[in-house]
Amino acid sequence: MMKLNWMFSGAAALLFFAAGISPVAAQPSNAVATAPVFVPDMSHAGGPLPDGVIAWDDLMKATDATNGQDFARFIFSFTNVTDANVVILSVHPSCGCTTAELPPVPWTIPAGTNGQIKIAVNLSGKSGTLFKTVNVSTDKGSKTLTLRINIAPPPVITLSEADRAKGVAMAQADRQAVFKGDCASCHINKIEGKYGQPLFAAVCAVCHEAATRASMVPDLHNLKDPTSVEFWRTWITAGKAGSLMPAFATSQGGPLNDMQIASLAEYLNAVIPSKVPPPAPVPAPAAK
């Protein structure tokens, strides 16, 4: 009887083992085939980009801008002329006023394909000729793009004698009239965000640096009084009652905030040094 039970148990175990193996062997594999991931070779990323990798439409571009224009815009087009991928890792403009528009980085440029990088330069408060650079870093090396912007000076406004006489009469009646009506287009045109020299060109030079400067407008380069930062700040802030000189401070009905006035005072003190020495200090009375 024991022998029969042993034989039955052995047969059952054999069947169980066979049954256990068979379902497992029939199950499909859980492994999923995936495409290989491209990993750029970074060994040359720190050096200059060799010729024959990316063909640019140009490495330096120039444009003309008008005084008061908000932005200058550029588009740099390029082609990957190699038989392998090129990866743009980063694009860094030389200053905060310059921004670059491109797809998210890292940006893979397949062999033989094209791309564009759009650049915008904020011109607020700027004048003259500007140079900006943009560094393009790739897995094959870096390339510098250069921008040149020629900002035209503000137009010279000429008045007829009749218009000039009318303006003087208005200013004599109300020295703040230059900030009102048609006069405002000359005296406070696009002053937001301007400081120092660009602000002087926008609000002061129209009278003080005009080629046909009126005789009652003083020549700032030949003043008979000693000047200083405080001298300029006081005159710009409050002007002079009974004259044509208006008060530029917003607290007195003018268009300029305290920071703009301070920037004008610093600029004028630097470019127009005083030609009159300050008065000698008064000696203290002798002790009795």
Protein backbone atom coordinates (compact mmCIF):
# COMPACT_ATOMS: atom_id res chain seq x y z
CA MET A 1 0.00 0.00 0.00
CA MET A 2 2.81 2.41 0.89
CA LYS A 3 4.54 1.57 -2.36
CA LEU A 4 1.38 2.36 -4.31
CA ASN A 5 1.03 5.74 -2.54
CA TRP A 6 4.65 6.60 -3.29
CA MET A 7 4.19 5.77 -6.96
CA PHE A 8 1.00 7.89 -7.10
CA SER A 9 2.70 10.87 -5.44
CA GLY A 10 5.66 10.68 -7.81
CA ALA A 11 3.40 10.58 -10.85
CA ALA A 12 1.39 13.58 -9.58
CA ALA A 13 4.56 15.57 -8.98
CA LEU A 14 5.79 14.79 -12.47
CA LEU A 15 2.49 15.93 -13.98
CA PHE A 16 2.52 19.10 -11.86
CA PHE A 17 6.07 19.91 -12.97
CA ALA A 18 5.20 19.35 -16.61
CA ALA A 19 2.06 21.46 -16.26
CA GLY A 20 4.06 24.24 -14.59
CA ILE A 21 6.68 24.39 -17.27
CA SER A 22 4.33 24.31 -20.19
CA PRO A 23 2.36 27.54 -19.46
CA VAL A 24 5.52 29.54 -18.71
CA ALA A 25 7.16 28.47 -21.91
CA ALA A 26 4.06 29.50 -23.86
CA GLN A 27 3.94 33.09 -22.46
CA PRO A 28 5.16 35.85 -24.82
CA SER A 29 8.25 37.94 -23.83
CA ASN A 30 7.69 41.32 -22.05
CA ALA A 31 10.72 42.92 -23.76
CA VAL A 32 9.87 45.92 -26.06
CA ALA A 33 12.14 46.84 -28.94
CA THR A 34 13.06 50.60 -28.88
CA ALA A 35 14.91 52.74 -31.38
CA PRO A 36 18.47 53.60 -30.38
CA VAL A 37 18.83 57.02 -28.72
CA PHE A 38 21.26 59.45 -30.37
CA VAL A 39 23.85 60.68 -27.89
CA PRO A 40 26.04 63.54 -29.19
CA ASP A 41 29.81 63.35 -28.89
CA MET A 42 30.70 66.28 -26.60
CA SER A 43 34.47 65.98 -26.94
CA HIS A 44 34.65 68.94 -29.37
CA ALA A 45 31.93 71.12 -27.83
CA GLY A 46 34.40 73.44 -26.09
CA GLY A 47 36.36 74.47 -29.19
CA PRO A 48 35.59 76.60 -32.25
CA LEU A 49 33.19 75.20 -34.83
CA PRO A 50 35.25 74.04 -37.84
CA ASP A 51 34.37 75.06 -41.38
CA GLY A 52 32.35 72.51 -43.34
CA VAL A 53 29.96 71.62 -40.52
CA ILE A 54 27.28 74.34 -40.64
CA ALA A 55 26.90 76.64 -43.63
CA TRP A 56 25.53 80.04 -42.52
CA ASP A 57 23.85 82.55 -44.81
CA ASP A 58 26.11 85.12 -43.09
CA LEU A 59 28.06 85.49 -39.86
CA MET A 60 27.60 89.27 -39.59
CA LYS A 61 24.45 91.18 -40.37
CA ALA A 62 23.72 94.90 -40.26
CA THR A 63 20.56 96.95 -40.28
CA ASP A 64 19.53 100.58 -40.03
CA ALA A 65 17.07 101.75 -37.39
CA THR A 66 15.27 105.01 -36.86
CA ASN A 67 15.53 106.98 -33.63
CA GLY A 68 12.70 105.81 -31.39
CA GLN A 69 12.38 102.37 -33.04
CA ASP A 70 11.62 99.71 -30.43
CA PHE A 71 13.52 96.65 -31.78
CA ALA A 72 15.99 95.63 -34.46
CA ARG A 73 15.39 92.09 -35.76
CA PHE A 74 17.65 89.61 -37.55
CA ILE A 75 17.29 86.08 -38.96
CA PHE A 76 20.33 83.81 -39.35
CA SER A 77 19.69 80.79 -41.61
CA PHE A 78 21.97 77.75 -41.72
CA THR A 79 22.35 74.23 -43.15
CA ASN A 80 23.98 71.14 -41.65
CA VAL A 81 26.29 70.18 -44.52
CA THR A 82 27.71 67.04 -42.89
CA ASP A 83 26.44 63.46 -43.14
CA ALA A 84 25.70 63.28 -39.39
CA ASN A 85 23.57 65.05 -36.79
CA VAL A 86 24.69 68.39 -35.34
CA VAL A 87 23.24 69.37 -31.97
CA ILE A 88 22.82 73.03 -30.92
CA LEU A 89 23.38 73.00 -27.17
CA SER A 90 22.84 76.69 -26.31
CA VAL A 91 22.61 80.19 -27.78
CA HIS A 92 23.96 83.04 -25.61
CA PRO A 93 23.56 86.73 -26.64
CA SER A 94 26.21 89.17 -25.38
CA CYS A 95 23.79 91.23 -23.28
CA GLY A 96 20.32 91.24 -21.77
CA CYS A 97 18.85 93.56 -24.42
CA THR A 98 19.44 90.87 -27.07
CA THR A 99 17.26 87.75 -27.21
CA ALA A 100 17.29 84.65 -29.41
CA GLU A 101 14.29 82.68 -30.64
CA LEU A 102 14.80 79.00 -31.53
CA PRO A 103 13.36 75.55 -30.70
CA PRO A 104 14.08 74.08 -27.25
CA VAL A 105 17.68 72.99 -26.77
CA PRO A 106 19.36 70.59 -27.24
CA TRP A 107 18.19 71.07 -30.83
CA THR A 108 19.24 68.26 -33.18
CA ILE A 109 19.84 69.28 -36.80
CA PRO A 110 19.83 66.14 -38.99
CA ALA A 111 22.29 65.85 -41.86
CA GLY A 112 21.40 68.06 -44.84
CA THR A 113 18.59 69.96 -43.08
CA ASN A 114 18.12 73.68 -42.47
CA GLY A 115 17.27 75.88 -39.52
CA GLN A 116 16.89 79.50 -38.44
CA ILE A 117 17.81 81.52 -35.36
CA LYS A 118 15.87 84.75 -34.88
CA ILE A 119 17.51 87.59 -32.94
CA ALA A 120 15.87 90.71 -31.49
CA VAL A 121 17.71 93.70 -29.98
CA ASN A 122 15.84 96.10 -27.70
CA LEU A 123 16.76 99.64 -28.81
CA SER A 124 15.12 101.51 -25.94
CA GLY A 125 17.40 104.30 -24.73
CA LYS A 126 20.09 103.55 -27.34
CA SER A 127 21.62 105.68 -30.07
CA GLY A 128 24.50 105.67 -32.53
CA THR A 129 26.07 102.45 -33.84
CA LEU A 130 25.64 99.29 -31.78
CA PHE A 131 27.52 95.99 -32.02
CA LYS A 132 26.09 92.82 -30.46
CA THR A 133 27.25 89.21 -30.58
CA VAL A 134 25.48 85.86 -30.18
CA ASN A 135 27.43 82.69 -29.33
CA VAL A 136 26.01 79.47 -30.80
CA SER A 137 27.36 76.38 -29.00
CA THR A 138 27.07 72.94 -30.69
CA ASP A 139 28.42 69.48 -30.02
CA LYS A 140 30.95 70.16 -32.81
CA GLY A 141 32.13 73.54 -31.45
CA SER A 142 30.99 77.17 -31.11
CA LYS A 143 30.41 79.98 -33.60
CA THR A 144 29.90 83.70 -32.94
CA LEU A 145 27.34 85.71 -34.89
CA THR A 146 27.76 89.50 -35.03
CA LEU A 147 25.07 92.18 -35.31
CA ARG A 148 25.53 95.82 -36.28
CA ILE A 149 22.75 98.37 -35.82
CA ASN A 150 23.00 101.94 -37.11
CA ILE A 151 20.49 104.12 -35.28
CA ALA A 152 19.79 107.32 -37.15
CA PRO A 153 19.89 110.53 -35.07
CA PRO A 154 16.57 112.22 -34.32
CA PRO A 155 15.34 114.42 -37.16
CA VAL A 156 16.21 118.09 -36.98
CA ILE A 157 13.04 120.08 -36.67
CA THR A 158 13.09 123.52 -38.20
CA LEU A 159 10.48 126.17 -37.46
CA SER A 160 9.48 129.18 -39.44
CA GLU A 161 9.99 132.55 -37.80
CA ALA A 162 6.24 132.84 -37.32
CA ASP A 163 6.03 129.42 -35.62
CA ARG A 164 9.06 130.24 -33.48
CA ALA A 165 7.54 133.56 -32.37
CA LYS A 166 4.28 131.79 -31.56
CA GLY A 167 6.10 129.18 -29.48
CA VAL A 168 8.07 131.83 -27.57
CA ALA A 169 4.87 133.75 -26.80
CA MET A 170 3.22 130.57 -25.49
CA ALA A 171 6.27 129.75 -23.32
CA GLN A 172 6.36 133.29 -21.93
CA ALA A 173 2.72 132.97 -20.91
CA ASP A 174 3.19 129.44 -19.54
CA ARG A 175 6.67 127.93 -19.45
CA GLN A 176 5.13 124.44 -19.10
CA ALA A 177 3.41 124.89 -22.49
CA VAL A 178 6.24 122.98 -24.20
CA PHE A 179 4.83 119.80 -22.65
CA LYS A 180 1.32 120.35 -24.00
CA GLY A 181 -0.44 120.09 -27.35
CA ASP A 182 1.64 120.14 -30.51
CA CYS A 183 4.76 121.26 -28.64
CA ALA A 184 4.90 117.95 -26.77
CA SER A 185 5.74 116.08 -29.99
CA CYS A 186 9.18 117.77 -29.95
CA HIS A 187 9.90 118.21 -26.28
CA ILE A 188 8.74 114.91 -24.79
CA ASN A 189 8.78 112.55 -27.78
CA LYS A 190 9.47 108.94 -26.76
CA ILE A 191 11.22 109.61 -23.45
CA GLU A 192 10.07 106.46 -21.68
CA GLY A 193 13.05 104.31 -20.70
CA LYS A 194 15.61 106.92 -21.79
CA TYR A 195 18.39 108.19 -19.55
CA GLY A 196 21.59 110.22 -19.89
CA GLN A 197 22.68 111.10 -23.42
CA PRO A 198 19.65 109.66 -25.28
CA LEU A 199 17.34 111.56 -22.92
CA PHE A 200 19.31 114.79 -23.43
CA ALA A 201 18.98 114.34 -27.20
CA ALA A 202 15.23 113.81 -26.86
CA VAL A 203 14.24 116.66 -24.52
CA CYS A 204 17.11 119.17 -24.19
CA ALA A 205 19.03 119.28 -27.47
CA VAL A 206 15.95 120.40 -29.42
CA CYS A 207 16.43 123.86 -27.83
CA HIS A 208 19.97 124.03 -26.40
CA GLU A 209 21.80 122.31 -29.28
CA ALA A 210 19.70 123.59 -32.17
CA ALA A 211 21.61 125.06 -35.10
CA THR A 212 19.32 128.09 -34.95
CA ARG A 213 19.23 128.32 -31.13
CA ALA A 214 17.11 131.24 -29.99
CA SER A 215 19.04 134.09 -28.40
CA MET A 216 17.16 133.74 -25.11
CA VAL A 217 18.16 130.05 -24.81
CA PRO A 218 21.51 129.81 -22.98
CA ASP A 219 24.52 128.06 -24.47
CA LEU A 220 25.14 125.28 -21.95
CA HIS A 221 28.80 125.04 -22.97
CA ASN A 222 29.56 128.61 -21.96
CA LEU A 223 27.68 129.28 -18.77
CA LYS A 224 28.94 132.06 -16.52
CA ASP A 225 28.14 130.21 -13.29
CA PRO A 226 30.03 127.31 -11.72
CA THR A 227 28.25 124.04 -12.46
CA SER A 228 27.96 120.72 -10.64
CA VAL A 229 25.65 117.73 -10.49
CA GLU A 230 23.49 119.57 -7.99
CA PHE A 231 23.44 122.68 -10.22
CA TRP A 232 22.12 120.69 -13.19
CA ARG A 233 19.66 118.69 -11.09
CA THR A 234 18.15 121.84 -9.57
CA TRP A 235 17.67 123.60 -12.91
CA ILE A 236 16.21 120.52 -14.63
CA THR A 237 13.85 119.82 -11.73
CA ALA A 238 12.39 123.28 -11.18
CA GLY A 239 13.40 125.33 -14.21
CA LYS A 240 13.28 129.09 -13.73
CA ALA A 241 10.12 131.04 -13.05
CA GLY A 242 9.66 134.06 -15.32
CA SER A 243 11.82 132.55 -18.09
CA LEU A 244 11.32 130.04 -20.90
CA MET A 245 12.96 127.25 -18.86
CA PRO A 246 10.23 124.81 -17.77
CA ALA A 247 10.23 122.53 -14.76
CA PHE A 248 10.88 118.97 -15.95
CA ALA A 249 10.04 117.13 -12.72
CA THR A 250 6.74 115.25 -12.67
CA SER A 251 6.07 116.78 -9.24
CA GLN A 252 5.97 120.21 -10.94
CA GLY A 253 4.02 119.28 -14.05
CA GLY A 254 6.94 118.05 -16.15
CA PRO A 255 7.52 114.69 -17.87
CA LEU A 256 10.65 113.34 -16.11
CA ASN A 257 10.94 111.15 -13.03
CA ASP A 258 13.66 111.56 -10.41
CA MET A 259 15.89 108.86 -11.93
CA GLN A 260 15.78 110.46 -15.38
CA ILE A 261 16.62 113.87 -13.92
CA ALA A 262 19.54 112.38 -11.97
CA SER A 263 20.85 110.71 -15.14
CA LEU A 264 20.69 114.02 -17.03
CA ALA A 265 22.54 115.83 -14.24
CA GLU A 266 25.30 113.21 -14.19
CA TYR A 267 25.58 113.28 -18.00
CA LEU A 268 25.78 117.07 -18.23
CA ASN A 269 28.29 117.28 -15.40
CA ALA A 270 30.51 114.76 -17.23
CA VAL A 271 30.33 116.19 -20.77
CA ILE A 272 30.14 119.90 -19.93
CA PRO A 273 32.65 120.50 -17.14
CA SER A 274 32.36 123.76 -15.28
CA LYS A 275 34.36 126.63 -16.80
CA VAL A 276 33.99 128.79 -13.71
CA PRO A 277 35.74 127.76 -10.50
CA PRO A 278 33.49 127.48 -7.46
CA PRO A 279 33.57 130.44 -5.08
CA ALA A 280 36.29 130.36 -2.46
CA PRO A 281 35.02 129.21 0.91
CA VAL A 282 34.30 131.99 3.38
CA PRO A 283 36.84 131.77 6.21
CA ALA A 284 35.45 131.11 9.62
CA PRO A 285 35.47 134.12 11.98
CA ALA A 286 38.46 134.26 14.25
CA ALA A 287 37.89 133.07 17.76
CA LYS A 288 37.69 135.83 20.35
